[in-house]
Amino acid sequence: MKLKKVGNILNKAVKTKGSYTFPKAVLTNEASFYMGLICGSRNAGKTTTAVNIILAEKSTMLTGDNHVYWVSSSKDPKVVALLDAYDSNVSYYDELTKRNIEDVVADITDRNHAWKEEHFSFELMERYLKDEHSISEEEHDVLVDSGLFEEDMDWDERIKKHNFHHPPISTLIVDDSVGSELISGTGRDAKWFLKLLLRHRHDPLHMNVFILTQHYKMVNRAIRANCNNILLFKLLNQSIMETIYEEFSPLFKHNKKYYMQALELLEKHPHSFLNLFYDKTKFVRLNFDKAIIFDDDSVKVKDVAVLPPTEK
């Protein structure tokens, strides 16, 4: 047995105290899971924007055991390219149904359970290396089953592969599915889906969610109310624009004039969107990289040090 040779490595690498420490998102500089709604007319750029978010957050969405689940009735070429480039980290479903989402949840749960088993095995090994009598016979069996006692164990690879800070992060993208009962309905399945979304950031999900839609008001209002991120392309329907202001007025200091001034920026910058984020951090931006500042009855646009990759 070669335990003594790896003891120092394990004791240095394994972190067993405290709760999970999730990383800060690149685009928000905040360790909060996204619950986003990307709203715009056909061909506005919703799918491209969602892909760009995933690429910007690549370190927590497309690496290791982190996984993206893309649900859409149409497979956009940009999504095909994403699947080809990150086939082990992206799955595609062609319809938003309860069964498909149950499959997504089952896969997330299985991956998180596997992570917890691995994490617990490392914690047990850390205790065993300090004092082999500190673990029970049952815990000893867990270590044996984990393979950590095997002489040919590649410790460097095993430690490198495991994330000692948090379980896998999942991301659910729902695109072109607003006609689904899950999104727009009020029945049992819609309530089930809503309940799932309300606990998206909690154990065992740890899941970002983005819903892409042409029809803001057709998204269940309870879903909209729980979004912390709205990406809004120019819309022709004034009533929808009014609804969005009512739901996010604190970001505009409850001043509708500021909101209208922000909308005017979409006229001056075609193919752009308003980026509304309302969580621990709160901001209004034009796209990802320009802060919109409201001050003294005026609107100022200031560059911020955040710029995601763009699709070509």
C-alpha atoms as a PDB file:
ATOM      1  CA  MET A   1       0.000   0.000   0.000  1.00  0.00           C
ATOM      2  CA  LYS A   2       1.289   3.497  -0.909  1.00  0.00           C
ATOM      3  CA  LEU A   3      -0.883   5.670   1.311  1.00  0.00           C
ATOM      4  CA  LYS A   4       1.957   7.427   3.076  1.00  0.00           C
ATOM      5  CA  LYS A   5       3.358   8.655  -0.234  1.00  0.00           C
ATOM      6  CA  VAL A   6       0.168  10.481  -1.115  1.00  0.00           C
ATOM      7  CA  GLY A   7      -0.874  11.605   2.352  1.00  0.00           C
ATOM      8  CA  ASN A   8       0.534  15.111   2.002  1.00  0.00           C
ATOM      9  CA  ILE A   9      -1.127  15.587  -1.368  1.00  0.00           C
ATOM     10  CA  LEU A  10      -4.517  14.570  -0.065  1.00  0.00           C
ATOM     11  CA  ASN A  11      -4.316  16.634   3.096  1.00  0.00           C
ATOM     12  CA  LYS A  12      -3.431  19.673   1.043  1.00  0.00           C
ATOM     13  CA  ALA A  13      -6.060  19.145  -1.662  1.00  0.00           C
ATOM     14  CA  VAL A  14      -9.119  17.992   0.236  1.00  0.00           C
ATOM     15  CA  LYS A  15     -11.291  20.742   1.677  1.00  0.00           C
ATOM     16  CA  THR A  16     -13.889  19.319   4.010  1.00  0.00           C
ATOM     17  CA  LYS A  17     -15.083  22.285   6.056  1.00  0.00           C
ATOM     18  CA  GLY A  18     -17.813  24.776   5.202  1.00  0.00           C
ATOM     19  CA  SER A  19     -20.570  24.803   2.593  1.00  0.00           C
ATOM     20  CA  TYR A  20     -20.116  24.726  -1.163  1.00  0.00           C
ATOM     21  CA  THR A  21     -18.253  27.661  -2.657  1.00  0.00           C
ATOM     22  CA  PHE A  22     -19.660  28.332  -6.107  1.00  0.00           C
ATOM     23  CA  PRO A  23     -17.645  30.550  -8.447  1.00  0.00           C
ATOM     24  CA  LYS A  24     -18.635  34.027  -9.525  1.00  0.00           C
ATOM     25  CA  ALA A  25     -20.174  34.316 -12.969  1.00  0.00           C
ATOM     26  CA  VAL A  26     -18.011  36.110 -15.510  1.00  0.00           C
ATOM     27  CA  LEU A  27     -20.830  38.346 -16.763  1.00  0.00           C
ATOM     28  CA  THR A  28     -22.221  39.395 -13.378  1.00  0.00           C
ATOM     29  CA  ASN A  29     -19.251  39.024 -11.009  1.00  0.00           C
ATOM     30  CA  GLU A  30     -21.700  37.397  -8.613  1.00  0.00           C
ATOM     31  CA  ALA A  31     -21.937  33.832  -7.299  1.00  0.00           C
ATOM     32  CA  SER A  32     -25.640  33.542  -8.118  1.00  0.00           C
ATOM     33  CA  PHE A  33     -27.216  31.081 -10.505  1.00  0.00           C
ATOM     34  CA  TYR A  34     -28.865  32.573 -13.560  1.00  0.00           C
ATOM     35  CA  MET A  35     -32.628  32.505 -13.950  1.00  0.00           C
ATOM     36  CA  GLY A  36     -32.785  34.319 -17.243  1.00  0.00           C
ATOM     37  CA  LEU A  37     -35.331  35.298 -19.866  1.00  0.00           C
ATOM     38  CA  ILE A  38     -34.079  36.288 -23.321  1.00  0.00           C
ATOM     39  CA  CYS A  39     -36.867  38.071 -25.157  1.00  0.00           C
ATOM     40  CA  GLY A  40     -36.973  39.304 -28.732  1.00  0.00           C
ATOM     41  CA  SER A  41     -38.667  38.927 -32.106  1.00  0.00           C
ATOM     42  CA  ARG A  42     -37.721  36.222 -34.605  1.00  0.00           C
ATOM     43  CA  ASN A  43     -34.101  36.500 -35.788  1.00  0.00           C
ATOM     44  CA  ALA A  44     -33.315  39.127 -33.153  1.00  0.00           C
ATOM     45  CA  GLY A  45     -30.322  37.112 -31.924  1.00  0.00           C
ATOM     46  CA  LYS A  46     -31.695  35.220 -28.916  1.00  0.00           C
ATOM     47  CA  THR A  47     -29.977  31.914 -29.713  1.00  0.00           C
ATOM     48  CA  THR A  48     -26.670  33.618 -30.502  1.00  0.00           C
ATOM     49  CA  THR A  49     -26.896  35.511 -27.213  1.00  0.00           C
ATOM     50  CA  ALA A  50     -27.553  32.322 -25.248  1.00  0.00           C
ATOM     51  CA  VAL A  51     -24.581  30.611 -26.930  1.00  0.00           C
ATOM     52  CA  ASN A  52     -22.395  33.616 -26.128  1.00  0.00           C
ATOM     53  CA  ILE A  53     -23.406  33.453 -22.464  1.00  0.00           C
ATOM     54  CA  ILE A  54     -22.433  29.788 -22.342  1.00  0.00           C
ATOM     55  CA  LEU A  55     -19.074  30.518 -23.988  1.00  0.00           C
ATOM     56  CA  ALA A  56     -18.435  33.453 -21.666  1.00  0.00           C
ATOM     57  CA  GLU A  57     -19.205  31.218 -18.675  1.00  0.00           C
ATOM     58  CA  LYS A  58     -17.288  28.294 -20.205  1.00  0.00           C
ATOM     59  CA  SER A  59     -15.328  27.583 -17.029  1.00  0.00           C
ATOM     60  CA  THR A  60     -18.519  26.780 -15.106  1.00  0.00           C
ATOM     61  CA  MET A  61     -20.755  25.513 -17.898  1.00  0.00           C
ATOM     62  CA  LEU A  62     -18.563  23.597 -20.344  1.00  0.00           C
ATOM     63  CA  THR A  63     -15.758  22.092 -18.268  1.00  0.00           C
ATOM     64  CA  GLY A  64     -15.345  18.987 -16.112  1.00  0.00           C
ATOM     65  CA  ASP A  65     -18.685  17.517 -15.040  1.00  0.00           C
ATOM     66  CA  ASN A  66     -20.579  20.770 -15.685  1.00  0.00           C
ATOM     67  CA  HIS A  67     -23.279  20.288 -18.307  1.00  0.00           C
ATOM     68  CA  VAL A  68     -25.629  22.233 -20.601  1.00  0.00           C
ATOM     69  CA  TYR A  69     -29.042  20.840 -21.560  1.00  0.00           C
ATOM     70  CA  TRP A  70     -30.437  22.560 -24.658  1.00  0.00           C
ATOM     71  CA  VAL A  71     -34.160  22.084 -25.327  1.00  0.00           C
ATOM     72  CA  SER A  72     -35.554  23.347 -28.632  1.00  0.00           C
ATOM     73  CA  SER A  73     -37.882  22.193 -31.376  1.00  0.00           C
ATOM     74  CA  SER A  74     -35.415  23.517 -33.965  1.00  0.00           C
ATOM     75  CA  LYS A  75     -31.667  22.879 -33.948  1.00  0.00           C
ATOM     76  CA  ASP A  76     -29.996  26.172 -34.862  1.00  0.00           C
ATOM     77  CA  PRO A  77     -26.591  25.874 -36.630  1.00  0.00           C
ATOM     78  CA  LYS A  78     -24.975  27.683 -33.680  1.00  0.00           C
ATOM     79  CA  VAL A  79     -26.333  25.018 -31.340  1.00  0.00           C
ATOM     80  CA  VAL A  80     -25.034  22.282 -33.678  1.00  0.00           C
ATOM     81  CA  ALA A  81     -21.590  23.922 -33.559  1.00  0.00           C
ATOM     82  CA  LEU A  82     -21.762  24.024 -29.752  1.00  0.00           C
ATOM     83  CA  LEU A  83     -22.717  20.335 -29.622  1.00  0.00           C
ATOM     84  CA  ASP A  84     -19.869  19.427 -31.948  1.00  0.00           C
ATOM     85  CA  ALA A  85     -17.286  21.428 -30.020  1.00  0.00           C
ATOM     86  CA  TYR A  86     -18.396  20.337 -26.532  1.00  0.00           C
ATOM     87  CA  ASP A  87     -20.134  17.016 -27.133  1.00  0.00           C
ATOM     88  CA  SER A  88     -19.333  15.657 -23.665  1.00  0.00           C
ATOM     89  CA  ASN A  89     -20.719  18.755 -21.927  1.00  0.00           C
ATOM     90  CA  VAL A  90     -23.851  19.528 -23.984  1.00  0.00           C
ATOM     91  CA  SER A  91     -27.022  17.479 -24.509  1.00  0.00           C
ATOM     92  CA  TYR A  92     -29.865  18.308 -26.892  1.00  0.00           C
ATOM     93  CA  TYR A  93     -33.605  17.615 -26.527  1.00  0.00           C
ATOM     94  CA  ASP A  94     -35.990  18.390 -29.380  1.00  0.00           C
ATOM     95  CA  GLU A  95     -39.108  19.132 -27.319  1.00  0.00           C
ATOM     96  CA  LEU A  96     -40.035  20.693 -23.986  1.00  0.00           C
ATOM     97  CA  THR A  97     -42.026  17.935 -22.301  1.00  0.00           C
ATOM     98  CA  LYS A  98     -42.306  16.752 -18.740  1.00  0.00           C
ATOM     99  CA  ARG A  99     -40.668  13.473 -19.701  1.00  0.00           C
ATOM    100  CA  ASN A 100     -37.647  15.194 -21.244  1.00  0.00           C
ATOM    101  CA  ILE A 101     -37.216  17.499 -18.262  1.00  0.00           C
ATOM    102  CA  GLU A 102     -37.544  14.500 -15.929  1.00  0.00           C
ATOM    103  CA  ASP A 103     -34.676  12.911 -17.888  1.00  0.00           C
ATOM    104  CA  VAL A 104     -32.640  16.101 -17.439  1.00  0.00           C
ATOM    105  CA  VAL A 105     -33.327  16.166 -13.700  1.00  0.00           C
ATOM    106  CA  ALA A 106     -32.452  12.466 -13.393  1.00  0.00           C
ATOM    107  CA  ASP A 107     -29.130  13.020 -15.169  1.00  0.00           C
ATOM    108  CA  ILE A 108     -28.306  16.038 -12.989  1.00  0.00           C
ATOM    109  CA  THR A 109     -29.207  14.095  -9.854  1.00  0.00           C
ATOM    110  CA  ASP A 110     -27.060  11.115 -10.887  1.00  0.00           C
ATOM    111  CA  ARG A 111     -24.042  13.291 -11.635  1.00  0.00           C
ATOM    112  CA  ASN A 112     -24.369  15.193  -8.373  1.00  0.00           C
ATOM    113  CA  HIS A 113     -24.793  11.940  -6.442  1.00  0.00           C
ATOM    114  CA  ALA A 114     -21.605  10.586  -8.038  1.00  0.00           C
ATOM    115  CA  TRP A 115     -19.807  13.791  -7.054  1.00  0.00           C
ATOM    116  CA  LYS A 116     -20.982  13.468  -3.441  1.00  0.00           C
ATOM    117  CA  GLU A 117     -19.807   9.863  -3.273  1.00  0.00           C
ATOM    118  CA  GLU A 118     -16.385  10.848  -4.582  1.00  0.00           C
ATOM    119  CA  HIS A 119     -16.188  13.821  -2.238  1.00  0.00           C
ATOM    120  CA  PHE A 120     -17.143  11.700   0.762  1.00  0.00           C
ATOM    121  CA  SER A 121     -14.505   9.135  -0.182  1.00  0.00           C
ATOM    122  CA  PHE A 122     -11.820  11.816  -0.186  1.00  0.00           C
ATOM    123  CA  GLU A 123     -13.020  13.086   3.184  1.00  0.00           C
ATOM    124  CA  LEU A 124     -12.847   9.560   4.599  1.00  0.00           C
ATOM    125  CA  MET A 125      -9.370   9.079   3.155  1.00  0.00           C
ATOM    126  CA  GLU A 126      -8.218  12.308   4.769  1.00  0.00           C
ATOM    127  CA  ARG A 127      -9.454  11.062   8.146  1.00  0.00           C
ATOM    128  CA  TYR A 128      -7.948   7.619   7.583  1.00  0.00           C
ATOM    129  CA  LEU A 129      -4.523   9.049   6.766  1.00  0.00           C
ATOM    130  CA  LYS A 130      -4.550  11.040   9.991  1.00  0.00           C
ATOM    131  CA  ASP A 131      -5.789   8.140  12.103  1.00  0.00           C
ATOM    132  CA  GLU A 132      -6.798   4.810  10.557  1.00  0.00           C
ATOM    133  CA  HIS A 133      -8.876   3.987  13.641  1.00  0.00           C
ATOM    134  CA  SER A 134     -11.042   7.111  13.195  1.00  0.00           C
ATOM    135  CA  ILE A 135     -13.307   5.508  10.599  1.00  0.00           C
ATOM    136  CA  SER A 136     -15.845   2.760  11.104  1.00  0.00           C
ATOM    137  CA  GLU A 137     -15.823  -0.634   9.416  1.00  0.00           C
ATOM    138  CA  GLU A 138     -18.637   0.530   7.137  1.00  0.00           C
ATOM    139  CA  GLU A 139     -16.673   3.639   6.185  1.00  0.00           C
ATOM    140  CA  HIS A 140     -13.637   1.454   5.541  1.00  0.00           C
ATOM    141  CA  ASP A 141     -15.750  -0.556   3.085  1.00  0.00           C
ATOM    142  CA  VAL A 142     -16.708   2.667   1.337  1.00  0.00           C
ATOM    143  CA  LEU A 143     -13.020   3.457   0.833  1.00  0.00           C
ATOM    144  CA  VAL A 144     -12.336  -0.022  -0.497  1.00  0.00           C
ATOM    145  CA  ASP A 145     -15.232   0.279  -2.970  1.00  0.00           C
ATOM    146  CA  SER A 146     -14.030   3.715  -4.077  1.00  0.00           C
ATOM    147  CA  GLY A 147     -10.756   2.251  -5.309  1.00  0.00           C
ATOM    148  CA  LEU A 148      -8.671   4.683  -3.290  1.00  0.00           C
ATOM    149  CA  PHE A 149      -6.741   1.822  -1.712  1.00  0.00           C
ATOM    150  CA  GLU A 150      -5.590   0.388  -5.027  1.00  0.00           C
ATOM    151  CA  GLU A 151      -1.820   0.448  -5.483  1.00  0.00           C
ATOM    152  CA  ASP A 152      -1.961   1.532  -9.124  1.00  0.00           C
ATOM    153  CA  MET A 153      -4.215   4.498  -8.314  1.00  0.00           C
ATOM    154  CA  ASP A 154      -3.246   7.624 -10.283  1.00  0.00           C
ATOM    155  CA  TRP A 155      -3.607  10.068  -7.394  1.00  0.00           C
ATOM    156  CA  ASP A 156      -2.638  13.155  -9.350  1.00  0.00           C
ATOM    157  CA  GLU A 157      -5.270  12.455 -12.016  1.00  0.00           C
ATOM    158  CA  ARG A 158      -7.980  11.532  -9.503  1.00  0.00           C
ATOM    159  CA  ILE A 159      -7.404  14.673  -7.436  1.00  0.00           C
ATOM    160  CA  LYS A 160      -7.136  16.889 -10.526  1.00  0.00           C
ATOM    161  CA  LYS A 161     -10.418  15.581 -11.906  1.00  0.00           C
ATOM    162  CA  HIS A 162     -12.456  16.166  -8.746  1.00  0.00           C
ATOM    163  CA  ASN A 163     -13.845  19.625  -7.948  1.00  0.00           C
ATOM    164  CA  PHE A 164     -13.310  20.049  -4.209  1.00  0.00           C
ATOM    165  CA  HIS A 165     -15.355  23.252  -3.989  1.00  0.00           C
ATOM    166  CA  HIS A 166     -18.803  22.383  -5.307  1.00  0.00           C
ATOM    167  CA  PRO A 167     -20.897  19.780  -7.181  1.00  0.00           C
ATOM    168  CA  PRO A 168     -21.340  20.000 -10.977  1.00  0.00           C
ATOM    169  CA  ILE A 169     -23.114  23.086 -12.302  1.00  0.00           C
ATOM    170  CA  SER A 170     -25.893  22.451 -14.816  1.00  0.00           C
ATOM    171  CA  THR A 171     -27.489  24.849 -17.292  1.00  0.00           C
ATOM    172  CA  LEU A 172     -30.931  24.417 -18.850  1.00  0.00           C
ATOM    173  CA  ILE A 173     -31.677  26.353 -22.049  1.00  0.00           C
ATOM    174  CA  VAL A 174     -35.302  26.339 -23.217  1.00  0.00           C
ATOM    175  CA  ASP A 175     -35.535  27.759 -26.740  1.00  0.00           C
ATOM    176  CA  ASP A 176     -38.489  28.117 -29.102  1.00  0.00           C
ATOM    177  CA  SER A 177     -40.847  26.328 -26.701  1.00  0.00           C
ATOM    178  CA  VAL A 178     -43.271  28.970 -25.474  1.00  0.00           C
ATOM    179  CA  GLY A 179     -46.236  26.954 -26.772  1.00  0.00           C
ATOM    180  CA  SER A 180     -45.457  24.173 -24.306  1.00  0.00           C
ATOM    181  CA  GLU A 181     -47.848  23.587 -21.419  1.00  0.00           C
ATOM    182  CA  LEU A 182     -44.823  23.700 -19.087  1.00  0.00           C
ATOM    183  CA  ILE A 183     -44.063  27.314 -19.997  1.00  0.00           C
ATOM    184  CA  SER A 184     -47.459  28.838 -20.668  1.00  0.00           C
ATOM    185  CA  GLY A 185     -50.005  26.600 -18.956  1.00  0.00           C
ATOM    186  CA  THR A 186     -51.609  26.528 -15.530  1.00  0.00           C
ATOM    187  CA  GLY A 187     -52.216  22.789 -15.141  1.00  0.00           C
ATOM    188  CA  ARG A 188     -50.469  20.142 -13.071  1.00  0.00           C
ATOM    189  CA  ASP A 189     -47.440  19.810 -15.369  1.00  0.00           C
ATOM    190  CA  ALA A 190     -46.973  23.594 -15.480  1.00  0.00           C
ATOM    191  CA  LYS A 191     -47.056  23.735 -11.679  1.00  0.00           C
ATOM    192  CA  TRP A 192     -44.533  20.883 -11.516  1.00  0.00           C
ATOM    193  CA  PHE A 193     -42.195  22.754 -13.869  1.00  0.00           C
ATOM    194  CA  LEU A 194     -42.603  25.997 -11.951  1.00  0.00           C
ATOM    195  CA  LYS A 195     -41.727  24.252  -8.695  1.00  0.00           C
ATOM    196  CA  LEU A 196     -38.633  22.843 -10.362  1.00  0.00           C
ATOM    197  CA  LEU A 197     -37.550  26.281 -11.579  1.00  0.00           C
ATOM    198  CA  LEU A 198     -38.123  27.856  -8.159  1.00  0.00           C
ATOM    199  CA  ARG A 199     -35.551  25.489  -6.644  1.00  0.00           C
ATOM    200  CA  HIS A 200     -33.150  25.598  -9.606  1.00  0.00           C
ATOM    201  CA  ARG A 201     -30.231  26.921  -7.571  1.00  0.00           C
ATOM    202  CA  HIS A 202     -30.641  24.532  -4.655  1.00  0.00           C
ATOM    203  CA  ASP A 203     -29.400  21.004  -3.991  1.00  0.00           C
ATOM    204  CA  PRO A 204     -29.446  18.687  -5.878  1.00  0.00           C
ATOM    205  CA  LEU A 205     -29.905  20.828  -9.023  1.00  0.00           C
ATOM    206  CA  HIS A 206     -27.396  23.715  -8.857  1.00  0.00           C
ATOM    207  CA  MET A 207     -28.816  24.749 -12.236  1.00  0.00           C
ATOM    208  CA  ASN A 208     -28.817  27.902 -14.344  1.00  0.00           C
ATOM    209  CA  VAL A 209     -31.956  28.424 -16.426  1.00  0.00           C
ATOM    210  CA  PHE A 210     -32.495  30.499 -19.575  1.00  0.00           C
ATOM    211  CA  ILE A 211     -35.810  30.712 -21.423  1.00  0.00           C
ATOM    212  CA  LEU A 212     -35.740  32.189 -24.926  1.00  0.00           C
ATOM    213  CA  THR A 213     -39.022  33.561 -26.226  1.00  0.00           C
ATOM    214  CA  GLN A 214     -40.684  35.868 -28.730  1.00  0.00           C
ATOM    215  CA  HIS A 215     -43.689  36.213 -26.437  1.00  0.00           C
ATOM    216  CA  TYR A 216     -42.842  37.625 -23.017  1.00  0.00           C
ATOM    217  CA  LYS A 217     -46.405  37.590 -21.704  1.00  0.00           C
ATOM    218  CA  MET A 218     -46.937  33.953 -22.703  1.00  0.00           C
ATOM    219  CA  VAL A 219     -44.301  32.898 -20.183  1.00  0.00           C
ATOM    220  CA  ASN A 220     -45.978  32.047 -16.891  1.00  0.00           C
ATOM    221  CA  ARG A 221     -45.960  35.184 -14.749  1.00  0.00           C
ATOM    222  CA  ALA A 222     -44.633  33.272 -11.741  1.00  0.00           C
ATOM    223  CA  ILE A 223     -41.632  32.228 -13.851  1.00  0.00           C
ATOM    224  CA  ARG A 224     -41.044  35.818 -14.941  1.00  0.00           C
ATOM    225  CA  ALA A 225     -41.285  37.043 -11.368  1.00  0.00           C
ATOM    226  CA  ASN A 226     -38.459  34.729 -10.324  1.00  0.00           C
ATOM    227  CA  CYS A 227     -36.053  35.727 -13.094  1.00  0.00           C
ATOM    228  CA  ASN A 228     -32.958  37.613 -12.001  1.00  0.00           C
ATOM    229  CA  ASN A 229     -31.842  38.369 -15.559  1.00  0.00           C
ATOM    230  CA  ILE A 230     -33.852  39.762 -18.480  1.00  0.00           C
ATOM    231  CA  LEU A 231     -32.166  40.279 -21.844  1.00  0.00           C
ATOM    232  CA  LEU A 232     -34.530  42.393 -23.917  1.00  0.00           C
ATOM    233  CA  PHE A 233     -34.247  43.015 -27.637  1.00  0.00           C
ATOM    234  CA  LYS A 234     -36.338  45.699 -29.330  1.00  0.00           C
ATOM    235  CA  LEU A 235     -40.029  44.778 -29.372  1.00  0.00           C
ATOM    236  CA  LEU A 236     -42.871  46.381 -31.303  1.00  0.00           C
ATOM    237  CA  ASN A 237     -45.545  45.541 -28.739  1.00  0.00           C
ATOM    238  CA  GLN A 238     -45.763  48.526 -26.387  1.00  0.00           C
ATOM    239  CA  SER A 239     -47.863  46.679 -23.794  1.00  0.00           C
ATOM    240  CA  ILE A 240     -45.076  44.144 -23.321  1.00  0.00           C
ATOM    241  CA  MET A 241     -42.571  46.939 -22.811  1.00  0.00           C
ATOM    242  CA  GLU A 242     -44.916  48.394 -20.165  1.00  0.00           C
ATOM    243  CA  THR A 243     -45.116  45.032 -18.374  1.00  0.00           C
ATOM    244  CA  ILE A 244     -41.355  44.684 -18.251  1.00  0.00           C
ATOM    245  CA  TYR A 245     -41.021  48.139 -16.701  1.00  0.00           C
ATOM    246  CA  GLU A 246     -43.589  47.317 -14.017  1.00  0.00           C
ATOM    247  CA  GLU A 247     -41.717  44.140 -13.071  1.00  0.00           C
ATOM    248  CA  PHE A 248     -38.242  45.706 -13.036  1.00  0.00           C
ATOM    249  CA  SER A 249     -38.907  49.351 -12.139  1.00  0.00           C
ATOM    250  CA  PRO A 250     -36.478  49.321  -9.141  1.00  0.00           C
ATOM    251  CA  LEU A 251     -33.604  49.023 -11.625  1.00  0.00           C
ATOM    252  CA  PHE A 252     -34.768  52.330 -13.143  1.00  0.00           C
ATOM    253  CA  LYS A 253     -35.207  54.061  -9.781  1.00  0.00           C
ATOM    254  CA  HIS A 254     -38.976  53.766 -10.314  1.00  0.00           C
ATOM    255  CA  ASN A 255     -38.628  56.421 -12.980  1.00  0.00           C
ATOM    256  CA  LYS A 256     -40.304  55.465 -16.252  1.00  0.00           C
ATOM    257  CA  LYS A 257     -38.448  58.223 -18.040  1.00  0.00           C
ATOM    258  CA  TYR A 258     -35.179  56.399 -17.375  1.00  0.00           C
ATOM    259  CA  TYR A 259     -36.691  53.226 -18.766  1.00  0.00           C
ATOM    260  CA  MET A 260     -37.823  54.955 -21.959  1.00  0.00           C
ATOM    261  CA  GLN A 261     -34.374  56.502 -22.340  1.00  0.00           C
ATOM    262  CA  ALA A 262     -32.832  53.080 -22.037  1.00  0.00           C
ATOM    263  CA  LEU A 263     -35.175  51.743 -24.725  1.00  0.00           C
ATOM    264  CA  GLU A 264     -34.076  54.563 -27.009  1.00  0.00           C
ATOM    265  CA  LEU A 265     -30.570  53.083 -26.903  1.00  0.00           C
ATOM    266  CA  LEU A 266     -31.942  50.031 -28.726  1.00  0.00           C
ATOM    267  CA  GLU A 267     -33.003  52.359 -31.534  1.00  0.00           C
ATOM    268  CA  LYS A 268     -29.514  53.842 -31.745  1.00  0.00           C
ATOM    269  CA  HIS A 269     -27.766  50.465 -31.531  1.00  0.00           C
ATOM    270  CA  PRO A 270     -29.427  47.883 -33.827  1.00  0.00           C
ATOM    271  CA  HIS A 271     -29.105  44.206 -32.804  1.00  0.00           C
ATOM    272  CA  SER A 272     -28.393  45.242 -29.221  1.00  0.00           C
ATOM    273  CA  PHE A 273     -30.348  44.351 -26.085  1.00  0.00           C
ATOM    274  CA  LEU A 274     -31.009  45.690 -22.620  1.00  0.00           C
ATOM    275  CA  ASN A 275     -29.417  43.492 -19.969  1.00  0.00           C
ATOM    276  CA  LEU A 276     -31.340  43.735 -16.688  1.00  0.00           C
ATOM    277  CA  PHE A 277     -29.857  41.916 -13.693  1.00  0.00           C
ATOM    278  CA  TYR A 278     -31.595  41.947 -10.320  1.00  0.00           C
ATOM    279  CA  ASP A 279     -30.039  39.850  -7.553  1.00  0.00           C
ATOM    280  CA  LYS A 280     -27.489  40.687  -4.866  1.00  0.00           C
ATOM    281  CA  THR A 281     -25.901  42.788  -7.582  1.00  0.00           C
ATOM    282  CA  LYS A 282     -28.190  45.022  -9.643  1.00  0.00           C
ATOM    283  CA  PHE A 283     -27.430  46.622 -12.975  1.00  0.00           C
ATOM    284  CA  VAL A 284     -28.772  47.753 -16.342  1.00  0.00           C
ATOM    285  CA  ARG A 285     -26.461  47.300 -19.315  1.00  0.00           C
ATOM    286  CA  LEU A 286     -26.488  47.646 -23.046  1.00  0.00           C
ATOM    287  CA  ASN A 287     -25.458  44.176 -24.176  1.00  0.00           C
ATOM    288  CA  PHE A 288     -22.901  42.617 -21.822  1.00  0.00           C
ATOM    289  CA  ASP A 289     -20.210  45.262 -21.695  1.00  0.00           C
ATOM    290  CA  LYS A 290     -21.776  48.729 -21.389  1.00  0.00           C
ATOM    291  CA  ALA A 291     -23.221  49.932 -18.087  1.00  0.00           C
ATOM    292  CA  ILE A 292     -26.235  52.232 -18.346  1.00  0.00           C
ATOM    293  CA  ILE A 293     -26.143  54.839 -15.594  1.00  0.00           C
ATOM    294  CA  PHE A 294     -29.102  57.034 -14.662  1.00  0.00           C
ATOM    295  CA  ASP A 295     -28.155  60.335 -13.104  1.00  0.00           C
ATOM    296  CA  ASP A 296     -29.635  63.839 -13.032  1.00  0.00           C
ATOM    297  CA  ASP A 297     -32.346  63.096 -15.597  1.00  0.00           C
ATOM    298  CA  SER A 298     -29.778  61.781 -18.056  1.00  0.00           C
ATOM    299  CA  VAL A 299     -28.550  58.404 -19.278  1.00  0.00           C
ATOM    300  CA  LYS A 300     -24.853  57.653 -19.521  1.00  0.00           C
ATOM    301  CA  VAL A 301     -23.271  54.601 -21.106  1.00  0.00           C
ATOM    302  CA  LYS A 302     -19.986  53.425 -19.669  1.00  0.00           C
ATOM    303  CA  ASP A 303     -17.798  50.486 -20.689  1.00  0.00           C
ATOM    304  CA  VAL A 304     -17.419  47.693 -18.165  1.00  0.00           C
ATOM    305  CA  ALA A 305     -14.651  45.111 -18.167  1.00  0.00           C
ATOM    306  CA  VAL A 306     -16.842  42.246 -19.319  1.00  0.00           C
ATOM    307  CA  LEU A 307     -17.033  41.052 -22.889  1.00  0.00           C
ATOM    308  CA  PRO A 308     -18.059  37.515 -23.846  1.00  0.00           C
ATOM    309  CA  PRO A 309     -16.924  35.730 -27.002  1.00  0.00           C
ATOM    310  CA  THR A 310     -19.099  36.360 -30.027  1.00  0.00           C
ATOM    311  CA  GLU A 311     -20.296  33.902 -32.614  1.00  0.00           C
ATOM    312  CA  LYS A 312     -18.949  34.489 -36.111  1.00  0.00           C
END
